[in-house]
Amino acid sequence: MGWETLQPVVHWLGDSEFGQWLGQSPIRIAGLFVVHLAGLTLLLSGTIVISLRLLGIGFLSGPAARLTRDVDPWRTAGLVVTVVSGMLIFTGGAASYFDGLWFRRKMALLLLALIFNFTWFRTVTHAREGRFSPWQNRVTAVLALLLWFGVGVAGRAIAFF
């Protein structure tokens, strides 16, 4: 399934009354961008905290699983806010976003980050202490940071390219 398969849905969404209403107001879109960035900040800051623990750099006073349990509600809230606001932003300019190379890169990275987050990252960060070797923890942390920051960088690149 290629990107072009989604083209009819994208045009329908962007041409909808709601899509037009959103897209025709710079104030609404700007407000959504603020919310989007706030969500991304929660998600990334939680990912940084957990990754620092996995890297053995900080937050070493207890097990990684306990830190993850403490941080996860904030990361989850950030992810939900980011995804919902991102969908609304997309709706306001669906066709132009969809045709952009950086938007497609962002979506591909987002898919990879979500799969990684809910599989391997979750397994490692919720495991009992010592179940995974230090190098597995470090690789997990680096991959999480690269994927989530990659999503953010690709999202920012949409505005420039």
Protein backbone atom coordinates (compact mmCIF):
# COMPACT_ATOMS: atom_id res chain seq x y z
CA MET A 1 0.00 0.00 0.00
CA GLY A 2 1.54 3.27 -1.11
CA TRP A 3 0.89 6.82 -0.01
CA GLU A 4 -1.27 7.46 -3.07
CA THR A 5 -3.84 4.98 -1.74
CA LEU A 6 -4.63 7.46 1.04
CA GLN A 7 -5.05 10.42 -1.33
CA PRO A 8 -8.89 10.26 -1.57
CA VAL A 9 -9.27 10.21 2.22
CA VAL A 10 -6.84 13.11 2.58
CA HIS A 11 -8.73 15.23 0.06
CA TRP A 12 -12.07 14.37 1.66
CA LEU A 13 -10.71 15.34 5.09
CA GLY A 14 -9.16 18.60 3.90
CA ASP A 15 -12.24 19.56 1.89
CA SER A 16 -14.64 18.81 4.75
CA GLU A 17 -16.44 21.67 6.42
CA PHE A 18 -14.45 21.07 9.60
CA GLY A 19 -11.15 20.94 7.71
CA GLN A 20 -11.95 24.20 5.96
CA TRP A 21 -13.03 25.82 9.23
CA LEU A 22 -9.75 24.83 10.91
CA GLY A 23 -7.50 25.68 7.99
CA GLN A 24 -8.94 29.13 7.38
CA SER A 25 -8.02 30.43 10.82
CA PRO A 26 -4.38 31.17 11.61
CA ILE A 27 -5.40 31.67 15.26
CA ARG A 28 -6.90 28.18 15.54
CA ILE A 29 -3.91 26.55 13.84
CA ALA A 30 -1.45 28.55 15.98
CA GLY A 31 -3.30 27.47 19.13
CA LEU A 32 -3.16 23.86 17.99
CA PHE A 33 0.59 24.18 17.37
CA VAL A 34 1.07 25.43 20.95
CA VAL A 35 -0.89 22.47 22.30
CA HIS A 36 1.02 20.12 19.95
CA LEU A 37 4.37 21.39 21.22
CA ALA A 38 3.25 21.15 24.85
CA GLY A 39 2.33 17.51 24.30
CA LEU A 40 5.60 16.82 22.51
CA THR A 41 7.48 18.46 25.39
CA LEU A 42 5.82 16.11 27.91
CA LEU A 43 6.55 13.09 25.75
CA LEU A 44 10.17 14.02 25.05
CA SER A 45 11.00 15.11 28.59
CA GLY A 46 9.68 11.83 29.98
CA THR A 47 11.65 9.92 27.35
CA ILE A 48 14.80 11.85 28.28
CA VAL A 49 14.37 11.10 31.99
CA ILE A 50 13.87 7.37 31.42
CA SER A 51 16.69 7.26 28.86
CA LEU A 52 19.11 8.97 31.24
CA ARG A 53 18.31 6.24 33.76
CA LEU A 54 18.87 3.50 31.16
CA LEU A 55 22.15 5.13 30.14
CA GLY A 56 23.28 5.14 33.78
CA ILE A 57 23.72 8.92 33.78
CA GLY A 58 20.98 10.09 36.10
CA PHE A 59 17.97 9.16 38.22
CA LEU A 60 19.87 6.22 39.67
CA SER A 61 18.29 6.21 43.14
CA GLY A 62 15.85 3.42 42.33
CA PRO A 63 14.92 0.82 39.74
CA ALA A 64 14.20 1.95 36.19
CA ALA A 65 10.79 0.24 36.34
CA ARG A 66 9.70 2.43 39.27
CA LEU A 67 10.91 5.60 37.54
CA THR A 68 9.08 4.49 34.39
CA ARG A 69 5.85 3.94 36.34
CA ASP A 70 6.18 7.46 37.76
CA VAL A 71 6.92 9.09 34.41
CA ASP A 72 4.64 7.02 32.15
CA PRO A 73 1.40 8.92 32.88
CA TRP A 74 3.09 12.15 31.77
CA ARG A 75 4.57 10.53 28.66
CA THR A 76 1.20 8.98 27.81
CA ALA A 77 -0.61 12.29 28.28
CA GLY A 78 1.99 13.97 26.07
CA LEU A 79 1.59 11.31 23.39
CA VAL A 80 -2.21 11.61 23.40
CA VAL A 81 -2.13 15.42 23.28
CA THR A 82 0.47 15.35 20.50
CA VAL A 83 -1.39 12.82 18.36
CA VAL A 84 -4.81 14.45 18.76
CA SER A 85 -3.53 17.99 18.13
CA GLY A 86 -1.43 16.72 15.22
CA MET A 87 -4.47 15.13 13.63
CA LEU A 88 -6.36 18.41 13.97
CA ILE A 89 -3.46 20.41 12.51
CA PHE A 90 -3.31 17.95 9.62
CA THR A 91 -7.05 18.28 9.03
CA GLY A 92 -6.67 22.04 8.59
CA GLY A 93 -4.19 21.62 5.71
CA ALA A 94 -4.45 17.97 4.75
CA ALA A 95 -3.55 18.10 1.06
CA SER A 96 -0.54 20.39 1.45
CA TYR A 97 0.84 18.46 4.42
CA PHE A 98 0.24 15.08 2.80
CA ASP A 99 2.15 16.00 -0.36
CA GLY A 100 5.22 17.11 1.60
CA LEU A 101 8.25 14.83 1.83
CA TRP A 102 9.01 15.83 5.42
CA PHE A 103 5.45 15.11 6.52
CA ARG A 104 5.77 11.60 5.12
CA ARG A 105 9.13 11.17 6.83
CA LYS A 106 7.59 12.34 10.09
CA MET A 107 4.73 9.86 9.76
CA ALA A 108 7.14 7.00 9.00
CA LEU A 109 9.28 7.91 12.02
CA LEU A 110 6.16 8.27 14.17
CA LEU A 111 5.03 4.79 13.20
CA LEU A 112 8.47 3.36 14.02
CA ALA A 113 8.61 5.28 17.31
CA LEU A 114 5.17 4.04 18.34
CA ILE A 115 5.99 0.43 17.50
CA PHE A 116 9.32 0.68 19.35
CA ASN A 117 7.71 2.47 22.30
CA PHE A 118 4.96 -0.10 22.85
CA THR A 119 7.15 -3.15 22.28
CA TRP A 120 10.86 -3.13 23.11
CA PHE A 121 11.09 0.15 25.05
CA ARG A 122 8.14 -0.87 27.21
CA THR A 123 9.63 -4.33 27.81
CA VAL A 124 13.01 -2.98 28.87
CA THR A 125 11.75 -0.10 31.00
CA HIS A 126 9.21 -2.21 32.90
CA ALA A 127 11.57 -5.14 33.50
CA ARG A 128 13.03 -6.05 36.86
CA GLU A 129 16.48 -4.61 37.53
CA GLY A 130 19.25 -6.64 35.89
CA ARG A 131 17.03 -8.50 33.41
CA PHE A 132 18.68 -6.68 30.51
CA SER A 133 22.38 -5.99 30.20
CA PRO A 134 23.73 -2.43 30.47
CA TRP A 135 24.44 -2.34 26.72
CA GLN A 136 20.84 -3.39 25.95
CA ASN A 137 19.61 -0.59 28.22
CA ARG A 138 21.91 1.92 26.52
CA VAL A 139 20.91 0.86 23.00
CA THR A 140 17.24 1.06 24.01
CA ALA A 141 17.72 4.58 25.40
CA VAL A 142 19.60 5.82 22.33
CA LEU A 143 17.02 4.35 19.93
CA ALA A 144 14.14 5.89 21.89
CA LEU A 145 15.81 9.30 21.84
CA LEU A 146 16.70 9.08 18.14
CA LEU A 147 13.20 8.00 17.13
CA TRP A 148 11.24 10.53 19.20
CA PHE A 149 13.59 13.43 18.47
CA GLY A 150 13.57 12.34 14.82
CA VAL A 151 9.78 12.76 14.82
CA GLY A 152 10.19 16.25 16.30
CA VAL A 153 12.92 17.29 13.85
CA ALA A 154 10.97 15.97 10.86
CA GLY A 155 7.92 17.85 12.11
CA ARG A 156 9.88 21.07 12.35
CA ALA A 157 11.34 20.50 8.89
CA ILE A 158 7.83 20.51 7.43
CA ALA A 159 7.77 24.28 7.87
CA PHE A 160 11.04 24.78 5.97
CA PHE A 161 10.83 22.35 3.07
